[in-house]
Amino acid sequence: KKNEPEAAPIENENALATPAPTKKSVPSESLTNPCPAFSELDAKEEDFKKDLESRKSLLVTNPSLPGLVRFVVDYARDSRLHLSYSLEDMADFVAGLGACRLSILQGMSGTGKTSLPKIFTEAIDGDCDLIEVESSWKDKNELLGYYNEFSEKYTPKKFTQALYKAALNPEITTFIVLDEMNLSRIEYYFSDFLSLMENEESQRSIKLLNVAISNQGTPYKALKEGEILKVPANIFFIGTANRDESTFVISDKVYDRAHTMDFNKRAPKVRDFQEPMAPSFYPYEVLASLFLNAKKNGRFDAENNLLIQQSETLLAPYNLSFGNRILKQMEDYVVLYEACFPERNVENEAVERILLSKVVSKLETKTIEDKEALADSFREIRLEKCADFIDKLNED
């Protein structure tokens, strides 16, 4: 047919074939540097050194626990927020830090639970990292991050980056605050760390990945074997907890491993304050040595203390007692609290605070047939705070 154009010659008989699918390439950056967040922190080593030297210009002189308590109370009062804390409540917080690595600040919303760790670390020129807990958290990966096997990239969460940074700055006291920690069940996402705190400081580490990673063959500075992150000694975990219908009940497993402070009323307004004070740098080793010396010099024997024995007798019908872990926490707490007030005899005051926090508070979950009689029994042994707590049980 004359009008039909001739077919164009095919130069390559495979040109019309469907191209074979190609394997999706992995970005070269993720192969050479699977965790940019860690390498960015590693790259700040010189900045961290300069920052430390700057803090040392404000280094505390003649550090002591009474001095620390008084200084933070004054610093908070004169700060831009004019926060009000009593010496006793600040000593409670400090003694709790020395007795446990986890502190729980619980109570009504808006009573200053989050403000306390923030202003404390500001006063001592430490670091405070706030981690907002979400109700959807179900496991530890919500805290630590995820490894993508396809891209071979690890994305650490804010919590892990705070741990990593603290490991690179061992001289700086660091608080990691889990804000509203009981929005999800704490055992779901924090159970590994509850177990870790049972170990000696040198044995506290968490495995982040099942494969070793490095930055183009160079190890990440704070990782061991490319997959294990040591939980550094300068870390303290602080949890804030609201107690309402939107949150989960905190289990005994968590309470037994923590020091608890209750915030059940609004702090009085500060009316007498001065110009803001400069921070005073308390390196972690200084803080740790204050705690250690107080424990070494303390003479409190919890097992043979009369108030504790009498309380155990009163609580025996409710199956409330405690093991060696809590007994050790009690001893550490009491000697630390006493060390904050060397000019006063505060042993009974300290015993009552720790008894209420660790043992008597568990009456919330018990049925008490004669609440008034039990409260009167505690008043007879002069534990007024415990008696007042019992009086208010089940008021709702």
Protein backbone atom coordinates (compact mmCIF):
# COMPACT_ATOMS: atom_id res chain seq x y z
CA LYS A 1 0.00 0.00 0.00
CA LYS A 2 1.53 3.18 -1.31
CA ASN A 3 0.26 5.54 1.46
CA GLU A 4 1.50 3.48 4.36
CA PRO A 5 4.84 4.65 5.78
CA GLU A 6 7.55 2.14 6.07
CA ALA A 7 8.21 0.88 9.55
CA ALA A 8 11.25 2.42 11.17
CA PRO A 9 14.04 -0.04 11.62
CA ILE A 10 14.59 -1.25 15.18
CA GLU A 11 18.17 -0.59 16.10
CA ASN A 12 18.00 -2.54 19.35
CA GLU A 13 15.57 -5.39 19.55
CA ASN A 14 15.41 -4.99 23.35
CA ALA A 15 14.45 -1.33 23.23
CA LEU A 16 10.71 -2.05 23.44
CA ALA A 17 11.04 -4.61 26.24
CA THR A 18 9.68 -3.70 29.68
CA PRO A 19 12.60 -2.52 31.84
CA ALA A 20 13.48 -4.95 34.59
CA PRO A 21 12.61 -3.63 38.05
CA THR A 22 15.60 -2.25 39.89
CA LYS A 23 16.26 -2.62 43.61
CA LYS A 24 15.54 0.58 45.47
CA SER A 25 18.81 2.13 46.45
CA VAL A 26 19.58 3.03 50.03
CA PRO A 27 20.66 6.65 50.59
CA SER A 28 24.39 6.74 50.94
CA GLU A 29 24.19 9.02 53.99
CA SER A 30 22.26 6.44 55.99
CA LEU A 31 24.81 3.78 55.11
CA THR A 32 27.81 5.86 56.09
CA ASN A 33 26.20 7.58 59.05
CA PRO A 34 23.20 5.58 60.31
CA CYS A 35 22.56 7.95 63.24
CA PRO A 36 23.12 11.64 62.37
CA ALA A 37 21.68 12.68 65.75
CA PHE A 38 24.54 10.94 67.59
CA SER A 39 27.20 12.26 65.21
CA GLU A 40 25.88 15.80 65.70
CA LEU A 41 26.33 15.42 69.45
CA ASP A 42 29.79 13.91 68.96
CA ALA A 43 30.74 16.92 66.84
CA LYS A 44 29.92 19.27 69.73
CA GLU A 45 32.72 17.90 71.93
CA GLU A 46 34.68 21.16 71.83
CA ASP A 47 31.53 23.19 72.52
CA PHE A 48 30.81 20.99 75.52
CA LYS A 49 34.33 21.58 76.86
CA LYS A 50 33.94 25.36 76.53
CA ASP A 51 30.54 25.19 78.20
CA LEU A 52 32.00 23.22 81.11
CA GLU A 53 34.76 25.78 81.58
CA SER A 54 32.14 28.51 81.65
CA ARG A 55 30.17 26.67 84.34
CA LYS A 56 33.32 26.14 86.40
CA SER A 57 33.63 29.93 86.70
CA LEU A 58 30.56 29.64 88.97
CA LEU A 59 31.88 26.62 90.89
CA VAL A 60 30.43 26.28 94.40
CA THR A 61 32.79 26.93 97.30
CA ASN A 62 32.57 24.92 100.53
CA PRO A 63 29.67 22.74 99.33
CA SER A 64 27.37 21.17 101.90
CA LEU A 65 23.87 19.71 101.94
CA PRO A 66 22.50 22.45 104.25
CA GLY A 67 24.07 25.04 101.96
CA LEU A 68 22.59 23.40 98.88
CA VAL A 69 19.07 23.30 100.37
CA ARG A 70 19.19 26.92 101.50
CA PHE A 71 20.69 28.12 98.22
CA VAL A 72 18.08 26.48 95.99
CA VAL A 73 15.21 27.76 98.18
CA ASP A 74 16.61 31.31 97.97
CA TYR A 75 17.38 31.00 94.26
CA ALA A 76 13.82 29.82 93.51
CA ARG A 77 12.29 32.61 95.59
CA ASP A 78 14.30 35.35 93.85
CA SER A 79 13.99 33.83 90.36
CA ARG A 80 11.81 35.40 87.65
CA LEU A 81 9.06 32.91 88.61
CA HIS A 82 9.29 33.60 92.39
CA LEU A 83 8.77 29.99 93.37
CA SER A 84 8.03 29.13 97.00
CA TYR A 85 9.56 26.06 98.64
CA SER A 86 10.13 25.41 102.33
CA LEU A 87 13.50 24.22 103.58
CA GLU A 88 11.84 20.97 104.65
CA ASP A 89 10.32 20.29 101.22
CA MET A 90 13.61 21.06 99.47
CA ALA A 91 15.46 18.76 101.90
CA ASP A 92 12.83 16.10 101.12
CA PHE A 93 13.63 16.43 97.40
CA VAL A 94 17.41 16.41 97.96
CA ALA A 95 17.30 13.40 100.30
CA GLY A 96 15.14 11.60 97.74
CA LEU A 97 17.73 12.22 95.04
CA GLY A 98 20.39 10.67 97.23
CA ALA A 99 18.27 7.66 98.15
CA CYS A 100 16.76 6.80 94.71
CA ARG A 101 17.54 7.47 91.07
CA LEU A 102 13.84 7.94 90.33
CA SER A 103 11.71 10.59 92.01
CA ILE A 104 7.96 10.91 91.45
CA LEU A 105 6.34 14.29 92.02
CA GLN A 106 2.60 13.71 92.11
CA GLY A 107 -0.54 15.61 92.91
CA MET A 108 -2.87 18.24 91.58
CA SER A 109 -2.20 19.96 88.28
CA GLY A 110 -0.64 23.41 88.57
CA THR A 111 1.05 22.91 91.94
CA GLY A 112 4.62 23.30 90.64
CA LYS A 113 5.67 19.68 90.13
CA THR A 114 7.54 20.38 86.89
CA SER A 115 8.94 23.66 88.18
CA LEU A 116 10.90 21.99 90.99
CA PRO A 117 13.37 19.94 88.88
CA LYS A 118 13.69 22.83 86.42
CA ILE A 119 14.57 25.45 89.03
CA PHE A 120 16.82 23.00 90.92
CA THR A 121 18.99 22.27 87.89
CA GLU A 122 18.98 25.96 86.96
CA ALA A 123 20.26 26.85 90.43
CA ILE A 124 23.09 24.28 90.40
CA ASP A 125 23.89 24.95 86.72
CA GLY A 126 22.92 21.45 85.66
CA ASP A 127 20.87 20.25 82.69
CA CYS A 128 17.16 19.43 82.63
CA ASP A 129 15.55 17.64 79.68
CA LEU A 130 11.76 17.50 79.58
CA ILE A 131 10.19 14.46 77.89
CA GLU A 132 6.44 14.64 77.32
CA VAL A 133 4.92 11.18 77.85
CA GLU A 134 2.10 10.28 75.44
CA SER A 135 -0.92 8.11 76.19
CA SER A 136 -0.17 5.92 73.15
CA TRP A 137 3.18 4.68 74.49
CA LYS A 138 3.26 0.87 74.70
CA ASP A 139 6.92 -0.16 74.86
CA LYS A 140 10.47 1.05 75.40
CA ASN A 141 10.91 2.03 71.75
CA GLU A 142 8.67 5.02 72.45
CA LEU A 143 11.49 6.26 74.68
CA LEU A 144 14.54 4.94 72.88
CA GLY A 145 13.74 5.18 69.16
CA TYR A 146 13.61 2.86 66.17
CA TYR A 147 16.01 1.14 63.80
CA ASN A 148 14.88 0.85 60.17
CA GLU A 149 16.34 -2.35 58.76
CA PHE A 150 15.68 -1.27 55.16
CA SER A 151 17.40 2.11 55.33
CA GLU A 152 19.81 0.85 58.02
CA LYS A 153 19.16 4.02 59.96
CA TYR A 154 18.59 4.51 63.68
CA THR A 155 16.40 7.40 64.82
CA PRO A 156 16.79 8.02 68.56
CA LYS A 157 14.03 9.73 70.49
CA LYS A 158 14.54 12.83 72.60
CA PHE A 159 14.98 10.67 75.71
CA THR A 160 17.86 8.70 74.16
CA GLN A 161 19.55 11.85 72.93
CA ALA A 162 19.38 13.26 76.46
CA LEU A 163 21.03 10.09 77.81
CA TYR A 164 23.68 10.26 75.10
CA LYS A 165 24.46 13.93 75.78
CA ALA A 166 24.71 13.26 79.52
CA ALA A 167 27.20 10.47 78.80
CA LEU A 168 29.35 12.98 76.90
CA ASN A 169 29.13 15.44 79.82
CA PRO A 170 29.72 13.32 82.95
CA GLU A 171 30.53 16.32 85.16
CA ILE A 172 27.12 17.93 84.69
CA THR A 173 24.21 16.83 86.88
CA THR A 174 21.35 15.99 84.52
CA PHE A 175 17.66 15.52 85.20
CA ILE A 176 15.49 13.74 82.66
CA VAL A 177 11.92 14.70 83.48
CA LEU A 178 9.14 12.39 82.29
CA ASP A 179 6.27 14.85 82.29
CA GLU A 180 2.86 13.33 83.09
CA MET A 181 4.54 9.94 83.26
CA ASN A 182 1.31 8.07 84.10
CA LEU A 183 -0.57 9.12 80.96
CA SER A 184 0.55 5.66 79.83
CA ARG A 185 1.32 2.63 81.98
CA ILE A 186 4.84 3.22 83.26
CA GLU A 187 5.70 -0.49 83.16
CA TYR A 188 5.00 -0.53 79.41
CA TYR A 189 7.71 1.93 78.43
CA PHE A 190 9.99 2.31 81.47
CA SER A 191 10.31 -1.24 82.82
CA ASP A 192 13.88 -1.71 81.57
CA PHE A 193 15.00 1.37 83.48
CA LEU A 194 13.22 0.27 86.65
CA SER A 195 15.32 -2.91 86.48
CA LEU A 196 18.51 -1.04 85.59
CA MET A 197 18.33 1.03 88.76
CA GLU A 198 18.75 -2.16 90.76
CA ASN A 199 22.27 -2.53 89.32
CA GLU A 200 25.49 -0.91 90.42
CA GLU A 201 26.26 2.35 88.64
CA SER A 202 28.96 0.72 86.52
CA GLN A 203 26.51 -1.96 85.35
CA ARG A 204 23.74 0.31 84.08
CA SER A 205 23.44 0.14 80.32
CA ILE A 206 20.72 -0.31 77.72
CA LYS A 207 20.94 -2.13 74.40
CA LEU A 208 19.61 0.19 71.72
CA LEU A 209 20.03 -2.01 68.63
CA ASN A 210 20.64 -5.58 67.55
CA VAL A 211 23.29 -4.49 65.04
CA ALA A 212 26.45 -2.49 65.57
CA ILE A 213 26.51 0.96 63.97
CA SER A 214 29.29 3.46 63.42
CA ASN A 215 29.86 6.75 61.62
CA GLN A 216 31.79 5.75 58.48
CA GLY A 217 33.73 3.26 60.55
CA THR A 218 34.30 5.68 63.43
CA PRO A 219 32.60 4.57 66.66
CA TYR A 220 29.98 6.82 68.17
CA LYS A 221 31.59 8.25 71.29
CA ALA A 222 28.96 7.20 73.84
CA LEU A 223 28.11 3.78 72.41
CA LYS A 224 29.75 0.56 73.49
CA GLU A 225 30.24 -2.03 70.75
CA GLY A 226 28.17 0.17 68.47
CA GLU A 227 24.86 -0.86 70.04
CA ILE A 228 24.92 -0.35 73.83
CA LEU A 229 24.41 2.97 75.61
CA LYS A 230 25.64 3.24 79.17
CA VAL A 231 23.23 5.02 81.50
CA PRO A 232 25.66 7.53 83.05
CA ALA A 233 25.94 8.11 86.78
CA ASN A 234 25.13 11.81 86.47
CA ILE A 235 21.53 11.06 85.40
CA PHE A 236 18.51 11.38 87.69
CA PHE A 237 15.03 10.48 86.46
CA ILE A 238 12.16 12.66 87.64
CA GLY A 239 8.55 11.78 86.90
CA THR A 240 5.62 14.14 87.31
CA ALA A 241 2.20 12.56 87.75
CA ASN A 242 -1.28 13.99 87.86
CA ARG A 243 -3.88 12.00 89.75
CA ASP A 244 -7.16 12.20 87.86
CA GLU A 245 -9.40 10.17 85.58
CA SER A 246 -7.13 10.73 82.56
CA THR A 247 -4.16 8.88 84.09
CA PHE A 248 -3.22 5.35 85.14
CA VAL A 249 -2.65 4.26 88.72
CA ILE A 250 1.03 3.92 89.51
CA SER A 251 1.85 0.38 90.64
CA ASP A 252 3.72 -0.67 93.76
CA LYS A 253 6.55 -1.92 91.55
CA VAL A 254 7.20 1.67 90.48
CA TYR A 255 6.59 3.28 93.87
CA ASP A 256 8.95 0.81 95.59
CA ARG A 257 11.79 1.92 93.33
CA ALA A 258 11.14 5.65 93.62
CA HIS A 259 11.07 8.48 96.09
CA THR A 260 7.65 10.12 96.08
CA MET A 261 6.62 13.67 96.92
CA ASP A 262 3.00 14.76 97.07
CA PHE A 263 1.90 18.18 95.83
CA ASN A 264 -1.62 18.53 97.18
CA LYS A 265 -1.88 22.27 97.68
CA ARG A 266 -0.83 25.47 96.02
CA ALA A 267 2.40 26.96 97.35
CA PRO A 268 2.01 30.34 99.11
CA LYS A 269 2.67 33.39 96.99
CA VAL A 270 6.14 34.90 97.36
CA ARG A 271 5.87 38.51 98.49
CA ASP A 272 9.37 39.16 99.82
CA PHE A 273 12.06 38.65 97.19
CA GLN A 274 15.28 40.23 95.97
CA GLU A 275 17.15 40.49 92.69
CA PRO A 276 17.74 37.17 90.86
CA MET A 277 20.79 35.24 92.03
CA ALA A 278 23.54 33.77 89.87
CA PRO A 279 23.66 29.96 89.64
CA SER A 280 26.25 28.07 91.64
CA PHE A 281 27.76 25.13 89.76
CA TYR A 282 27.55 21.82 91.60
CA PRO A 283 29.40 19.25 89.44
CA TYR A 284 27.95 15.77 89.66
CA GLU A 285 30.97 14.47 91.59
CA VAL A 286 30.46 17.17 94.22
CA LEU A 287 26.79 16.28 94.61
CA ALA A 288 27.59 12.56 94.71
CA SER A 289 30.27 13.07 97.36
CA LEU A 290 27.84 15.04 99.55
CA PHE A 291 25.40 12.14 99.36
CA LEU A 292 28.10 9.53 100.00
CA ASN A 293 29.58 11.34 103.01
CA ALA A 294 26.15 11.76 104.61
CA LYS A 295 25.45 8.03 104.22
CA LYS A 296 28.86 7.08 105.62
CA ASN A 297 28.49 9.35 108.63
CA GLY A 298 24.84 8.50 109.34
CA ARG A 299 23.97 6.32 112.30
CA PHE A 300 20.31 5.60 111.65
CA ASP A 301 19.18 1.97 111.97
CA ALA A 302 15.79 1.59 110.31
CA GLU A 303 15.29 -2.01 111.38
CA ASN A 304 15.51 -1.13 115.08
CA ASN A 305 13.79 2.25 114.97
CA LEU A 306 10.85 2.35 117.39
CA LEU A 307 8.57 4.48 115.17
CA ILE A 308 9.04 2.14 112.24
CA GLN A 309 8.41 -0.91 114.42
CA GLN A 310 5.24 0.64 115.87
CA SER A 311 4.02 1.58 112.39
CA GLU A 312 4.60 -1.93 111.12
CA THR A 313 2.49 -3.27 113.98
CA LEU A 314 -0.36 -0.87 113.17
CA LEU A 315 -0.24 -1.70 109.47
CA ALA A 316 0.11 -5.48 109.85
CA PRO A 317 -3.68 -6.11 109.64
CA TYR A 318 -3.64 -4.49 106.19
CA ASN A 319 -0.78 -6.65 104.93
CA LEU A 320 1.46 -3.62 104.53
CA SER A 321 5.12 -4.15 105.22
CA PHE A 322 8.35 -3.73 103.30
CA GLY A 323 11.45 -5.60 102.25
CA ASN A 324 15.16 -4.89 102.33
CA ARG A 325 15.03 -2.54 99.32
CA ILE A 326 12.67 -0.13 101.04
CA LEU A 327 14.48 -0.54 104.37
CA LYS A 328 17.72 0.58 102.69
CA GLN A 329 15.97 3.52 101.03
CA MET A 330 14.59 4.55 104.42
CA GLU A 331 18.02 4.51 106.02
CA ASP A 332 19.58 6.49 103.20
CA TYR A 333 16.76 9.01 103.16
CA VAL A 334 16.78 9.64 106.92
CA VAL A 335 20.53 10.21 107.18
CA LEU A 336 20.45 12.51 104.12
CA TYR A 337 17.51 14.50 105.50
CA GLU A 338 19.26 14.78 108.87
CA ALA A 339 22.43 15.99 107.14
CA CYS A 340 20.42 18.89 105.67
CA PHE A 341 19.66 20.15 109.23
CA PRO A 342 22.79 19.56 111.32
CA GLU A 343 21.66 22.00 114.03
CA ARG A 344 18.29 20.33 114.58
CA ASN A 345 17.08 16.91 115.70
CA VAL A 346 14.92 15.96 112.72
CA GLU A 347 15.13 12.16 112.90
CA ASN A 348 11.46 11.62 113.76
CA GLU A 349 10.42 14.16 111.15
CA ALA A 350 12.44 12.33 108.50
CA VAL A 351 11.13 8.93 109.60
CA GLU A 352 7.54 10.13 109.32
CA ARG A 353 8.08 11.61 105.87
CA ILE A 354 9.59 8.43 104.47
CA LEU A 355 7.07 6.17 106.24
CA LEU A 356 4.19 8.15 104.76
CA SER A 357 5.77 8.13 101.30
CA LYS A 358 6.84 4.48 101.13
CA VAL A 359 4.34 2.57 103.28
CA VAL A 360 1.40 4.42 104.84
CA SER A 361 0.33 5.90 101.49
CA LYS A 362 -0.46 2.36 100.29
CA LEU A 363 -3.52 2.42 102.55
CA GLU A 364 -5.24 4.16 99.63
CA THR A 365 -5.79 0.75 98.08
CA LYS A 366 -7.05 -0.89 101.28
CA THR A 367 -10.45 -1.12 102.94
CA ILE A 368 -10.29 0.37 106.45
CA GLU A 369 -13.23 -0.45 108.67
CA ASP A 370 -12.40 2.01 111.45
CA LYS A 371 -10.45 4.84 109.89
CA GLU A 372 -10.73 7.10 112.94
CA ALA A 373 -9.29 4.47 115.27
CA LEU A 374 -6.31 3.87 112.99
CA ALA A 375 -5.65 7.61 112.71
CA ASP A 376 -5.83 7.95 116.49
CA SER A 377 -3.31 5.12 116.85
CA PHE A 378 -0.84 6.98 114.67
CA ARG A 379 -1.42 10.17 116.68
CA GLU A 380 -0.59 8.27 119.86
CA ILE A 381 2.89 7.57 118.48
CA ARG A 382 3.11 11.22 117.33
CA LEU A 383 2.96 10.59 113.61
CA GLU A 384 0.58 13.46 112.87
CA LYS A 385 1.14 13.60 109.11
CA CYS A 386 0.33 9.91 108.80
CA ALA A 387 -2.79 10.38 110.92
CA ASP A 388 -3.95 13.34 108.80
CA PHE A 389 -3.41 11.28 105.66
CA ILE A 390 -5.57 8.47 107.04
CA ASP A 391 -8.30 10.95 108.04
CA LYS A 392 -8.54 12.16 104.43
CA LEU A 393 -8.74 8.72 102.85
CA ASN A 394 -11.81 8.08 100.71
CA GLU A 395 -13.19 11.55 101.41
CA ASP A 396 -14.51 11.64 97.85
